[in-house]
Amino acid sequence: MTRELVIELARLLDQKMAKDISVLYIEKLTTIASYFIILTAQSDRQMGALKDTIEEFMFKNGIEEKNTEGNAHSSWLLLDYGDAAIHIFTNESREFYDLDHIWKDAEKIDF
C-alpha cells in the first residue's frame, strides 16, 4: 500500500468523524507492517461504519484484507491489509493499549 493511499484513507476516515487519527510509518521498526493507522470510534455504530468505509476503500483500490480481529461490538478492531494495519479503538481501549506510546519512535505522517 502506498503512502498516498494511506493518507487518502486517513483523510476519508477523518471525514467520517473518526477521532484522534494517527498514521505511523513503522517499516523501519518492524516487519509486521509498513503503516499503522490508529483511530478512535465514539460508539459501536461508528466502529461498524468506519470498518465498512475501510473495507469499501480497500476493495475499490484492489487491496485484499488478510485478517480481521474483533468486531464492531468489541472495544478494539484490527483490520490487517498486509502493508497497513488499521486499529479502531473505543476511548477506553485506546488509552489502555496505548499504541501511540508503544510506537512513539515511528515516523508520524501528517495528512
PDB file of N, CA and C in Angstrom:
ATOM      1  N   MET A   1       0.860  -1.175   0.000  1.00  0.00           N
ATOM      2  CA  MET A   1       0.000   0.000   0.000  1.00  0.00           C
ATOM      3  C   MET A   1       0.901   1.231   0.000  1.00  0.00           C
ATOM      4  N   THR A   2       0.599   2.165  -0.853  1.00  0.00           N
ATOM      5  CA  THR A   2       1.436   3.348  -0.971  1.00  0.00           C
ATOM      6  C   THR A   2       1.123   4.370   0.124  1.00  0.00           C
ATOM      7  N   ARG A   3       2.093   5.238   0.368  1.00  0.00           N
ATOM      8  CA  ARG A   3       1.907   6.323   1.334  1.00  0.00           C
ATOM      9  C   ARG A   3       0.711   7.195   0.921  1.00  0.00           C
ATOM     10  N   GLU A   4       0.568   7.430  -0.369  1.00  0.00           N
ATOM     11  CA  GLU A   4      -0.523   8.266  -0.858  1.00  0.00           C
ATOM     12  C   GLU A   4      -1.880   7.649  -0.531  1.00  0.00           C
ATOM     13  N   LEU A   5      -2.008   6.336  -0.694  1.00  0.00           N
ATOM     14  CA  LEU A   5      -3.271   5.665  -0.355  1.00  0.00           C
ATOM     15  C   LEU A   5      -3.533   5.691   1.145  1.00  0.00           C
ATOM     16  N   VAL A   6      -2.483   5.536   1.936  1.00  0.00           N
ATOM     17  CA  VAL A   6      -2.631   5.603   3.393  1.00  0.00           C
ATOM     18  C   VAL A   6      -3.149   6.986   3.799  1.00  0.00           C
ATOM     19  N   ILE A   7      -2.581   8.018   3.211  1.00  0.00           N
ATOM     20  CA  ILE A   7      -3.010   9.385   3.512  1.00  0.00           C
ATOM     21  C   ILE A   7      -4.451   9.611   3.041  1.00  0.00           C
ATOM     22  N   GLU A   8      -4.773   9.113   1.860  1.00  0.00           N
ATOM     23  CA  GLU A   8      -6.137   9.246   1.339  1.00  0.00           C
ATOM     24  C   GLU A   8      -7.139   8.561   2.275  1.00  0.00           C
ATOM     25  N   LEU A   9      -6.798   7.370   2.772  1.00  0.00           N
ATOM     26  CA  LEU A   9      -7.676   6.662   3.705  1.00  0.00           C
ATOM     27  C   LEU A   9      -7.820   7.432   5.013  1.00  0.00           C
ATOM     28  N   ALA A  10      -6.736   7.965   5.527  1.00  0.00           N
ATOM     29  CA  ALA A  10      -6.798   8.736   6.771  1.00  0.00           C
ATOM     30  C   ALA A  10      -7.715   9.949   6.605  1.00  0.00           C
ATOM     31  N   ARG A  11      -7.617  10.615   5.487  1.00  0.00           N
ATOM     32  CA  ARG A  11      -8.488  11.778   5.222  1.00  0.00           C
ATOM     33  C   ARG A  11      -9.953  11.356   5.145  1.00  0.00           C
ATOM     34  N   LEU A  12     -10.204  10.223   4.506  1.00  0.00           N
ATOM     35  CA  LEU A  12     -11.566   9.709   4.412  1.00  0.00           C
ATOM     36  C   LEU A  12     -12.125   9.384   5.795  1.00  0.00           C
ATOM     37  N   LEU A  13     -11.315   8.752   6.642  1.00  0.00           N
ATOM     38  CA  LEU A  13     -11.745   8.419   7.998  1.00  0.00           C
ATOM     39  C   LEU A  13     -12.000   9.678   8.818  1.00  0.00           C
ATOM     40  N   ASP A  14     -11.205  10.702   8.572  1.00  0.00           N
ATOM     41  CA  ASP A  14     -11.418  11.979   9.242  1.00  0.00           C
ATOM     42  C   ASP A  14     -12.770  12.577   8.830  1.00  0.00           C
ATOM     43  N   GLN A  15     -13.105  12.469   7.566  1.00  0.00           N
ATOM     44  CA  GLN A  15     -14.401  12.952   7.078  1.00  0.00           C
ATOM     45  C   GLN A  15     -15.559  12.171   7.707  1.00  0.00           C
ATOM     46  N   LYS A  16     -15.303  10.913   8.063  1.00  0.00           N
ATOM     47  CA  LYS A  16     -16.325  10.063   8.681  1.00  0.00           C
ATOM     48  C   LYS A  16     -16.370  10.242  10.198  1.00  0.00           C
ATOM     49  N   MET A  17     -15.680  11.280  10.682  1.00  0.00           N
ATOM     50  CA  MET A  17     -15.716  11.679  12.093  1.00  0.00           C
ATOM     51  C   MET A  17     -14.960  10.749  13.041  1.00  0.00           C
ATOM     52  N   ALA A  18     -13.994   9.975  12.514  1.00  0.00           N
ATOM     53  CA  ALA A  18     -13.104   9.223  13.399  1.00  0.00           C
ATOM     54  C   ALA A  18     -12.319  10.235  14.226  1.00  0.00           C
ATOM     55  N   LYS A  19     -11.980   9.885  15.445  1.00  0.00           N
ATOM     56  CA  LYS A  19     -11.277  10.799  16.353  1.00  0.00           C
ATOM     57  C   LYS A  19      -9.819  10.387  16.502  1.00  0.00           C
ATOM     58  N   ASP A  20      -8.976  11.375  16.746  1.00  0.00           N
ATOM     59  CA  ASP A  20      -7.567  11.150  17.112  1.00  0.00           C
ATOM     60  C   ASP A  20      -6.861  10.189  16.165  1.00  0.00           C
ATOM     61  N   ILE A  21      -6.924  10.460  14.893  1.00  0.00           N
ATOM     62  CA  ILE A  21      -6.303   9.576  13.904  1.00  0.00           C
ATOM     63  C   ILE A  21      -4.789   9.764  13.932  1.00  0.00           C
ATOM     64  N   SER A  22      -4.074   8.643  14.067  1.00  0.00           N
ATOM     65  CA  SER A  22      -2.606   8.638  13.979  1.00  0.00           C
ATOM     66  C   SER A  22      -2.210   7.758  12.805  1.00  0.00           C
ATOM     67  N   VAL A  23      -1.339   8.274  11.964  1.00  0.00           N
ATOM     68  CA  VAL A  23      -0.794   7.493  10.866  1.00  0.00           C
ATOM     69  C   VAL A  23       0.701   7.366  11.132  1.00  0.00           C
ATOM     70  N   LEU A  24       1.148   6.136  11.297  1.00  0.00           N
ATOM     71  CA  LEU A  24       2.539   5.873  11.649  1.00  0.00           C
ATOM     72  C   LEU A  24       3.210   5.020  10.581  1.00  0.00           C
ATOM     73  N   TYR A  25       4.400   5.433  10.175  1.00  0.00           N
ATOM     74  CA  TYR A  25       5.227   4.639   9.279  1.00  0.00           C
ATOM     75  C   TYR A  25       6.153   3.818  10.170  1.00  0.00           C
ATOM     76  N   ILE A  26       5.950   2.502  10.185  1.00  0.00           N
ATOM     77  CA  ILE A  26       6.667   1.637  11.125  1.00  0.00           C
ATOM     78  C   ILE A  26       7.627   0.664  10.454  1.00  0.00           C
ATOM     79  N   GLU A  27       7.767   0.743   9.160  1.00  0.00           N
ATOM     80  CA  GLU A  27       8.558  -0.239   8.409  1.00  0.00           C
ATOM     81  C   GLU A  27      10.001  -0.360   8.891  1.00  0.00           C
ATOM     82  N   LYS A  28      10.576   0.746   9.352  1.00  0.00           N
ATOM     83  CA  LYS A  28      11.963   0.696   9.815  1.00  0.00           C
ATOM     84  C   LYS A  28      12.096   0.083  11.208  1.00  0.00           C
ATOM     85  N   LEU A  29      10.953  -0.126  11.886  1.00  0.00           N
ATOM     86  CA  LEU A  29      10.967  -0.630  13.255  1.00  0.00           C
ATOM     87  C   LEU A  29      10.526  -2.081  13.384  1.00  0.00           C
ATOM     88  N   THR A  30       9.844  -2.608  12.366  1.00  0.00           N
ATOM     89  CA  THR A  30       9.270  -3.946  12.473  1.00  0.00           C
ATOM     90  C   THR A  30       9.008  -4.525  11.087  1.00  0.00           C
ATOM     91  N   THR A  31       8.760  -5.804  11.035  1.00  0.00           N
ATOM     92  CA  THR A  31       8.414  -6.456   9.768  1.00  0.00           C
ATOM     93  C   THR A  31       6.919  -6.762   9.669  1.00  0.00           C
ATOM     94  N   ILE A  32       6.139  -6.415  10.690  1.00  0.00           N
ATOM     95  CA  ILE A  32       4.718  -6.791  10.689  1.00  0.00           C
ATOM     96  C   ILE A  32       3.869  -5.961   9.733  1.00  0.00           C
ATOM     97  N   ALA A  33       4.291  -4.753   9.432  1.00  0.00           N
ATOM     98  CA  ALA A  33       3.551  -3.877   8.518  1.00  0.00           C
ATOM     99  C   ALA A  33       4.425  -2.673   8.197  1.00  0.00           C
ATOM    100  N   SER A  34       3.995  -1.910   7.215  1.00  0.00           N
ATOM    101  CA  SER A  34       4.676  -0.656   6.898  1.00  0.00           C
ATOM    102  C   SER A  34       4.004   0.521   7.585  1.00  0.00           C
ATOM    103  N   TYR A  35       2.676   0.413   7.749  1.00  0.00           N
ATOM    104  CA  TYR A  35       1.908   1.510   8.329  1.00  0.00           C
ATOM    105  C   TYR A  35       0.931   1.010   9.383  1.00  0.00           C
ATOM    106  N   PHE A  36       0.757   1.802  10.403  1.00  0.00           N
ATOM    107  CA  PHE A  36      -0.343   1.654  11.346  1.00  0.00           C
ATOM    108  C   PHE A  36      -1.226   2.880  11.184  1.00  0.00           C
ATOM    109  N   ILE A  37      -2.511   2.653  11.107  1.00  0.00           N
ATOM    110  CA  ILE A  37      -3.476   3.737  11.215  1.00  0.00           C
ATOM    111  C   ILE A  37      -4.255   3.437  12.486  1.00  0.00           C
ATOM    112  N   ILE A  38      -4.217   4.362  13.413  1.00  0.00           N
ATOM    113  CA  ILE A  38      -4.860   4.188  14.716  1.00  0.00           C
ATOM    114  C   ILE A  38      -5.922   5.271  14.855  1.00  0.00           C
ATOM    115  N   LEU A  39      -7.123   4.868  15.222  1.00  0.00           N
ATOM    116  CA  LEU A  39      -8.201   5.836  15.351  1.00  0.00           C
ATOM    117  C   LEU A  39      -9.177   5.422  16.437  1.00  0.00           C
ATOM    118  N   THR A  40      -9.994   6.371  16.842  1.00  0.00           N
ATOM    119  CA  THR A  40     -10.963   6.136  17.904  1.00  0.00           C
ATOM    120  C   THR A  40     -12.365   6.318  17.361  1.00  0.00           C
ATOM    121  N   ALA A  41     -13.241   5.364  17.696  1.00  0.00           N
ATOM    122  CA  ALA A  41     -14.670   5.441  17.372  1.00  0.00           C
ATOM    123  C   ALA A  41     -15.426   5.798  18.647  1.00  0.00           C
ATOM    124  N   GLN A  42     -16.464   6.586  18.501  1.00  0.00           N
ATOM    125  CA  GLN A  42     -17.228   7.065  19.654  1.00  0.00           C
ATOM    126  C   GLN A  42     -18.344   6.106  20.066  1.00  0.00           C
ATOM    127  N   SER A  43     -18.629   5.095  19.242  1.00  0.00           N
ATOM    128  CA  SER A  43     -19.713   4.150  19.561  1.00  0.00           C
ATOM    129  C   SER A  43     -19.542   2.877  18.745  1.00  0.00           C
ATOM    130  N   ASP A  44     -20.298   1.834  19.110  1.00  0.00           N
ATOM    131  CA  ASP A  44     -20.302   0.592  18.332  1.00  0.00           C
ATOM    132  C   ASP A  44     -20.755   0.860  16.900  1.00  0.00           C
ATOM    133  N   ARG A  45     -21.768   1.687  16.782  1.00  0.00           N
ATOM    134  CA  ARG A  45     -22.310   2.002  15.465  1.00  0.00           C
ATOM    135  C   ARG A  45     -21.258   2.685  14.589  1.00  0.00           C
ATOM    136  N   GLN A  46     -20.535   3.639  15.165  1.00  0.00           N
ATOM    137  CA  GLN A  46     -19.500   4.310  14.405  1.00  0.00           C
ATOM    138  C   GLN A  46     -18.364   3.346  14.070  1.00  0.00           C
ATOM    139  N   MET A  47     -18.028   2.452  14.991  1.00  0.00           N
ATOM    140  CA  MET A  47     -16.974   1.479  14.719  1.00  0.00           C
ATOM    141  C   MET A  47     -17.355   0.627  13.502  1.00  0.00           C
ATOM    142  N   GLY A  48     -18.598   0.198  13.446  1.00  0.00           N
ATOM    143  CA  GLY A  48     -19.068  -0.578  12.301  1.00  0.00           C
ATOM    144  C   GLY A  48     -19.036   0.223  11.012  1.00  0.00           C
ATOM    145  N   ALA A  49     -19.440   1.479  11.085  1.00  0.00           N
ATOM    146  CA  ALA A  49     -19.436   2.338   9.899  1.00  0.00           C
ATOM    147  C   ALA A  49     -18.014   2.605   9.410  1.00  0.00           C
ATOM    148  N   LEU A  50     -17.077   2.819  10.327  1.00  0.00           N
ATOM    149  CA  LEU A  50     -15.678   3.027   9.945  1.00  0.00           C
ATOM    150  C   LEU A  50     -15.097   1.764   9.310  1.00  0.00           C
ATOM    151  N   LYS A  51     -15.431   0.620   9.868  1.00  0.00           N
ATOM    152  CA  LYS A  51     -14.983  -0.663   9.299  1.00  0.00           C
ATOM    153  C   LYS A  51     -15.498  -0.802   7.866  1.00  0.00           C
ATOM    154  N   ASP A  52     -16.775  -0.511   7.665  1.00  0.00           N
ATOM    155  CA  ASP A  52     -17.357  -0.591   6.319  1.00  0.00           C
ATOM    156  C   ASP A  52     -16.664   0.365   5.360  1.00  0.00           C
ATOM    157  N   THR A  53     -16.369   1.566   5.812  1.00  0.00           N
ATOM    158  CA  THR A  53     -15.687   2.565   4.996  1.00  0.00           C
ATOM    159  C   THR A  53     -14.303   2.066   4.578  1.00  0.00           C
ATOM    160  N   ILE A  54     -13.577   1.501   5.522  1.00  0.00           N
ATOM    161  CA  ILE A  54     -12.234   0.979   5.237  1.00  0.00           C
ATOM    162  C   ILE A  54     -12.316  -0.162   4.234  1.00  0.00           C
ATOM    163  N   GLU A  55     -13.218  -1.101   4.468  1.00  0.00           N
ATOM    164  CA  GLU A  55     -13.338  -2.252   3.565  1.00  0.00           C
ATOM    165  C   GLU A  55     -13.715  -1.823   2.147  1.00  0.00           C
ATOM    166  N   GLU A  56     -14.607  -0.861   2.021  1.00  0.00           N
ATOM    167  CA  GLU A  56     -15.008  -0.374   0.709  1.00  0.00           C
ATOM    168  C   GLU A  56     -13.841   0.332   0.004  1.00  0.00           C
ATOM    169  N   PHE A  57     -13.111   1.163   0.745  1.00  0.00           N
ATOM    170  CA  PHE A  57     -11.951   1.866   0.201  1.00  0.00           C
ATOM    171  C   PHE A  57     -10.909   0.863  -0.297  1.00  0.00           C
ATOM    172  N   MET A  58     -10.605  -0.127   0.509  1.00  0.00           N
ATOM    173  CA  MET A  58      -9.583  -1.109   0.130  1.00  0.00           C
ATOM    174  C   MET A  58     -10.028  -1.930  -1.074  1.00  0.00           C
ATOM    175  N   PHE A  59     -11.297  -2.333  -1.086  1.00  0.00           N
ATOM    176  CA  PHE A  59     -11.819  -3.097  -2.223  1.00  0.00           C
ATOM    177  C   PHE A  59     -11.693  -2.294  -3.515  1.00  0.00           C
ATOM    178  N   LYS A  60     -12.084  -1.000  -3.468  1.00  0.00           N
ATOM    179  CA  LYS A  60     -12.009  -0.144  -4.657  1.00  0.00           C
ATOM    180  C   LYS A  60     -10.575   0.036  -5.138  1.00  0.00           C
ATOM    181  N   ASN A  61      -9.614  -0.085  -4.230  1.00  0.00           N
ATOM    182  CA  ASN A  61      -8.204   0.083  -4.587  1.00  0.00           C
ATOM    183  C   ASN A  61      -7.481  -1.244  -4.793  1.00  0.00           C
ATOM    184  N   GLY A  62      -8.236  -2.341  -4.810  1.00  0.00           N
ATOM    185  CA  GLY A  62      -7.669  -3.653  -5.105  1.00  0.00           C
ATOM    186  C   GLY A  62      -6.758  -4.204  -4.023  1.00  0.00           C
ATOM    187  N   ILE A  63      -6.995  -3.792  -2.783  1.00  0.00           N
ATOM    188  CA  ILE A  63      -6.167  -4.246  -1.670  1.00  0.00           C
ATOM    189  C   ILE A  63      -6.957  -5.273  -0.874  1.00  0.00           C
ATOM    190  N   GLU A  64      -6.381  -6.458  -0.747  1.00  0.00           N
ATOM    191  CA  GLU A  64      -7.067  -7.578  -0.125  1.00  0.00           C
ATOM    192  C   GLU A  64      -6.823  -7.631   1.380  1.00  0.00           C
ATOM    193  N   GLU A  65      -7.891  -7.856   2.119  1.00  0.00           N
ATOM    194  CA  GLU A  65      -7.791  -7.996   3.566  1.00  0.00           C
ATOM    195  C   GLU A  65      -7.163  -9.342   3.908  1.00  0.00           C
ATOM    196  N   LYS A  66      -6.198  -9.319   4.819  1.00  0.00           N
ATOM    197  CA  LYS A  66      -5.526 -10.544   5.248  1.00  0.00           C
ATOM    198  C   LYS A  66      -6.226 -11.169   6.457  1.00  0.00           C
ATOM    199  N   ASN A  67      -6.655 -10.315   7.387  1.00  0.00           N
ATOM    200  CA  ASN A  67      -7.249 -10.823   8.627  1.00  0.00           C
ATOM    201  C   ASN A  67      -8.003  -9.702   9.324  1.00  0.00           C
ATOM    202  N   THR A  68      -8.993 -10.100  10.121  1.00  0.00           N
ATOM    203  CA  THR A  68      -9.715  -9.167  10.979  1.00  0.00           C
ATOM    204  C   THR A  68      -9.795  -9.775  12.364  1.00  0.00           C
ATOM    205  N   GLU A  69      -9.537  -8.961  13.357  1.00  0.00           N
ATOM    206  CA  GLU A  69      -9.676  -9.375  14.760  1.00  0.00           C
ATOM    207  C   GLU A  69     -10.692  -8.449  15.409  1.00  0.00           C
ATOM    208  N   GLY A  70     -11.623  -9.015  16.162  1.00  0.00           N
ATOM    209  CA  GLY A  70     -12.654  -8.234  16.821  1.00  0.00           C
ATOM    210  C   GLY A  70     -13.817  -7.973  15.881  1.00  0.00           C
ATOM    211  N   ASN A  71     -14.787  -7.217  16.373  1.00  0.00           N
ATOM    212  CA  ASN A  71     -15.941  -6.836  15.564  1.00  0.00           C
ATOM    213  C   ASN A  71     -16.441  -5.471  16.035  1.00  0.00           C
ATOM    214  N   ALA A  72     -17.500  -4.997  15.412  1.00  0.00           N
ATOM    215  CA  ALA A  72     -17.989  -3.646  15.716  1.00  0.00           C
ATOM    216  C   ALA A  72     -18.513  -3.512  17.140  1.00  0.00           C
ATOM    217  N   HIS A  73     -18.712  -4.620  17.827  1.00  0.00           N
ATOM    218  CA  HIS A  73     -19.212  -4.569  19.203  1.00  0.00           C
ATOM    219  C   HIS A  73     -18.102  -4.799  20.239  1.00  0.00           C
ATOM    220  N   SER A  74     -16.879  -4.902  19.770  1.00  0.00           N
ATOM    221  CA  SER A  74     -15.761  -5.067  20.698  1.00  0.00           C
ATOM    222  C   SER A  74     -15.090  -3.714  20.912  1.00  0.00           C
ATOM    223  N   SER A  75     -14.162  -3.658  21.827  1.00  0.00           N
ATOM    224  CA  SER A  75     -13.523  -2.386  22.141  1.00  0.00           C
ATOM    225  C   SER A  75     -12.289  -2.114  21.272  1.00  0.00           C
ATOM    226  N   TRP A  76     -11.904  -3.090  20.461  1.00  0.00           N
ATOM    227  CA  TRP A  76     -10.747  -2.926  19.575  1.00  0.00           C
ATOM    228  C   TRP A  76     -10.981  -3.762  18.333  1.00  0.00           C
ATOM    229  N   LEU A  77     -10.828  -3.163  17.199  1.00  0.00           N
ATOM    230  CA  LEU A  77     -10.999  -3.838  15.925  1.00  0.00           C
ATOM    231  C   LEU A  77      -9.719  -3.656  15.124  1.00  0.00           C
ATOM    232  N   LEU A  78      -9.145  -4.755  14.663  1.00  0.00           N
ATOM    233  CA  LEU A  78      -7.926  -4.715  13.856  1.00  0.00           C
ATOM    234  C   LEU A  78      -8.243  -5.228  12.464  1.00  0.00           C
ATOM    235  N   LEU A  79      -7.938  -4.417  11.471  1.00  0.00           N
ATOM    236  CA  LEU A  79      -8.077  -4.806  10.077  1.00  0.00           C
ATOM    237  C   LEU A  79      -6.672  -4.876   9.488  1.00  0.00           C
ATOM    238  N   ASP A  80      -6.270  -6.072   9.084  1.00  0.00           N
ATOM    239  CA  ASP A  80      -4.914  -6.300   8.593  1.00  0.00           C
ATOM    240  C   ASP A  80      -4.934  -6.394   7.077  1.00  0.00           C
ATOM    241  N   TYR A  81      -4.237  -5.467   6.448  1.00  0.00           N
ATOM    242  CA  TYR A  81      -4.120  -5.457   4.994  1.00  0.00           C
ATOM    243  C   TYR A  81      -2.681  -5.669   4.547  1.00  0.00           C
ATOM    244  N   GLY A  82      -1.915  -6.385   5.353  1.00  0.00           N
ATOM    245  CA  GLY A  82      -0.527  -6.664   4.997  1.00  0.00           C
ATOM    246  C   GLY A  82       0.366  -5.478   5.280  1.00  0.00           C
ATOM    247  N   ASP A  83       0.482  -4.573   4.322  1.00  0.00           N
ATOM    248  CA  ASP A  83       1.320  -3.384   4.493  1.00  0.00           C
ATOM    249  C   ASP A  83       0.746  -2.389   5.493  1.00  0.00           C
ATOM    250  N   ALA A  84      -0.554  -2.442   5.700  1.00  0.00           N
ATOM    251  CA  ALA A  84      -1.218  -1.499   6.610  1.00  0.00           C
ATOM    252  C   ALA A  84      -2.077  -2.270   7.612  1.00  0.00           C
ATOM    253  N   ALA A  85      -1.908  -1.931   8.872  1.00  0.00           N
ATOM    254  CA  ALA A  85      -2.750  -2.476   9.935  1.00  0.00           C
ATOM    255  C   ALA A  85      -3.548  -1.313  10.509  1.00  0.00           C
ATOM    256  N   ILE A  86      -4.858  -1.471  10.516  1.00  0.00           N
ATOM    257  CA  ILE A  86      -5.735  -0.392  10.950  1.00  0.00           C
ATOM    258  C   ILE A  86      -6.383  -0.806  12.262  1.00  0.00           C
ATOM    259  N   HIS A  87      -6.173   0.019  13.282  1.00  0.00           N
ATOM    260  CA  HIS A  87      -6.675  -0.244  14.627  1.00  0.00           C
ATOM    261  C   HIS A  87      -7.782   0.752  14.942  1.00  0.00           C
ATOM    262  N   ILE A  88      -8.987   0.240  15.199  1.00  0.00           N
ATOM    263  CA  ILE A  88     -10.098   1.092  15.608  1.00  0.00           C
ATOM    264  C   ILE A  88     -10.392   0.767  17.072  1.00  0.00           C
ATOM    265  N   PHE A  89     -10.301   1.764  17.919  1.00  0.00           N
ATOM    266  CA  PHE A  89     -10.478   1.589  19.360  1.00  0.00           C
ATOM    267  C   PHE A  89     -11.673   2.375  19.887  1.00  0.00           C
ATOM    268  N   THR A  90     -12.179   1.952  21.028  1.00  0.00           N
ATOM    269  CA  THR A  90     -13.008   2.827  21.848  1.00  0.00           C
ATOM    270  C   THR A  90     -12.033   3.713  22.625  1.00  0.00           C
ATOM    271  N   ASN A  91     -12.531   4.776  23.233  1.00  0.00           N
ATOM    272  CA  ASN A  91     -11.661   5.663  24.021  1.00  0.00           C
ATOM    273  C   ASN A  91     -10.897   4.900  25.092  1.00  0.00           C
ATOM    274  N   GLU A  92     -11.613   4.070  25.839  1.00  0.00           N
ATOM    275  CA  GLU A  92     -11.001   3.346  26.962  1.00  0.00           C
ATOM    276  C   GLU A  92      -9.925   2.369  26.494  1.00  0.00           C
ATOM    277  N   SER A  93     -10.209   1.634  25.440  1.00  0.00           N
ATOM    278  CA  SER A  93      -9.234   0.656  24.936  1.00  0.00           C
ATOM    279  C   SER A  93      -8.007   1.344  24.352  1.00  0.00           C
ATOM    280  N   ARG A  94      -8.219   2.469  23.719  1.00  0.00           N
ATOM    281  CA  ARG A  94      -7.067   3.181  23.156  1.00  0.00           C
ATOM    282  C   ARG A  94      -6.127   3.637  24.264  1.00  0.00           C
ATOM    283  N   GLU A  95      -6.694   4.147  25.336  1.00  0.00           N
ATOM    284  CA  GLU A  95      -5.866   4.552  26.477  1.00  0.00           C
ATOM    285  C   GLU A  95      -5.162   3.344  27.091  1.00  0.00           C
ATOM    286  N   PHE A  96      -5.869   2.226  27.213  1.00  0.00           N
ATOM    287  CA  PHE A  96      -5.307   1.038  27.837  1.00  0.00           C
ATOM    288  C   PHE A  96      -4.147   0.464  27.019  1.00  0.00           C
ATOM    289  N   TYR A  97      -4.340   0.262  25.726  1.00  0.00           N
ATOM    290  CA  TYR A  97      -3.305  -0.346  24.888  1.00  0.00           C
ATOM    291  C   TYR A  97      -2.206   0.649  24.501  1.00  0.00           C
ATOM    292  N   ASP A  98      -2.533   1.906  24.398  1.00  0.00           N
ATOM    293  CA  ASP A  98      -1.578   2.995  24.179  1.00  0.00           C
ATOM    294  C   ASP A  98      -0.562   2.708  23.069  1.00  0.00           C
ATOM    295  N   LEU A  99      -1.071   2.296  21.916  1.00  0.00           N
ATOM    296  CA  LEU A  99      -0.185   2.018  20.788  1.00  0.00           C
ATOM    297  C   LEU A  99       0.607   3.241  20.349  1.00  0.00           C
ATOM    298  N   ASP A 100       0.016   4.410  20.516  1.00  0.00           N
ATOM    299  CA  ASP A 100       0.737   5.633  20.147  1.00  0.00           C
ATOM    300  C   ASP A 100       2.032   5.754  20.940  1.00  0.00           C
ATOM    301  N   HIS A 101       2.002   5.388  22.198  1.00  0.00           N
ATOM    302  CA  HIS A 101       3.211   5.446  23.030  1.00  0.00           C
ATOM    303  C   HIS A 101       4.163   4.292  22.699  1.00  0.00           C
ATOM    304  N   ILE A 102       3.616   3.107  22.528  1.00  0.00           N
ATOM    305  CA  ILE A 102       4.451   1.940  22.221  1.00  0.00           C
ATOM    306  C   ILE A 102       5.247   2.178  20.931  1.00  0.00           C
ATOM    307  N   TRP A 103       4.622   2.818  19.955  1.00  0.00           N
ATOM    308  CA  TRP A 103       5.254   3.071  18.665  1.00  0.00           C
ATOM    309  C   TRP A 103       5.710   4.523  18.533  1.00  0.00           C
ATOM    310  N   LYS A 104       6.093   5.131  19.627  1.00  0.00           N
ATOM    311  CA  LYS A 104       6.484   6.542  19.642  1.00  0.00           C
ATOM    312  C   LYS A 104       7.701   6.854  18.769  1.00  0.00           C
ATOM    313  N   ASP A 105       8.504   5.847  18.461  1.00  0.00           N
ATOM    314  CA  ASP A 105       9.685   6.052  17.614  1.00  0.00           C
ATOM    315  C   ASP A 105       9.360   5.988  16.122  1.00  0.00           C
ATOM    316  N   ALA A 106       8.119   5.682  15.806  1.00  0.00           N
ATOM    317  CA  ALA A 106       7.715   5.615  14.401  1.00  0.00           C
ATOM    318  C   ALA A 106       7.587   7.020  13.816  1.00  0.00           C
ATOM    319  N   GLU A 107       7.742   7.103  12.520  1.00  0.00           N
ATOM    320  CA  GLU A 107       7.536   8.374  11.810  1.00  0.00           C
ATOM    321  C   GLU A 107       6.040   8.672  11.763  1.00  0.00           C
ATOM    322  N   LYS A 108       5.663   9.855  12.214  1.00  0.00           N
ATOM    323  CA  LYS A 108       4.264  10.276  12.166  1.00  0.00           C
ATOM    324  C   LYS A 108       4.015  10.971  10.832  1.00  0.00           C
ATOM    325  N   ILE A 109       2.970  10.539  10.176  1.00  0.00           N
ATOM    326  CA  ILE A 109       2.646  11.086   8.855  1.00  0.00           C
ATOM    327  C   ILE A 109       1.478  12.059   9.003  1.00  0.00           C
ATOM    328  N   ASP A 110       1.720  13.281   8.577  1.00  0.00           N
ATOM    329  CA  ASP A 110       0.636  14.281   8.562  1.00  0.00           C
ATOM    330  C   ASP A 110      -0.239  14.037   7.346  1.00  0.00           C
ATOM    331  N   PHE A 111      -1.510  14.240   7.544  1.00  0.00           N
ATOM    332  CA  PHE A 111      -2.426  14.069   6.421  1.00  0.00           C
ATOM    333  C   PHE A 111      -3.385  15.221   6.313  1.00  0.00           C
TER     334      PHE A 111
END
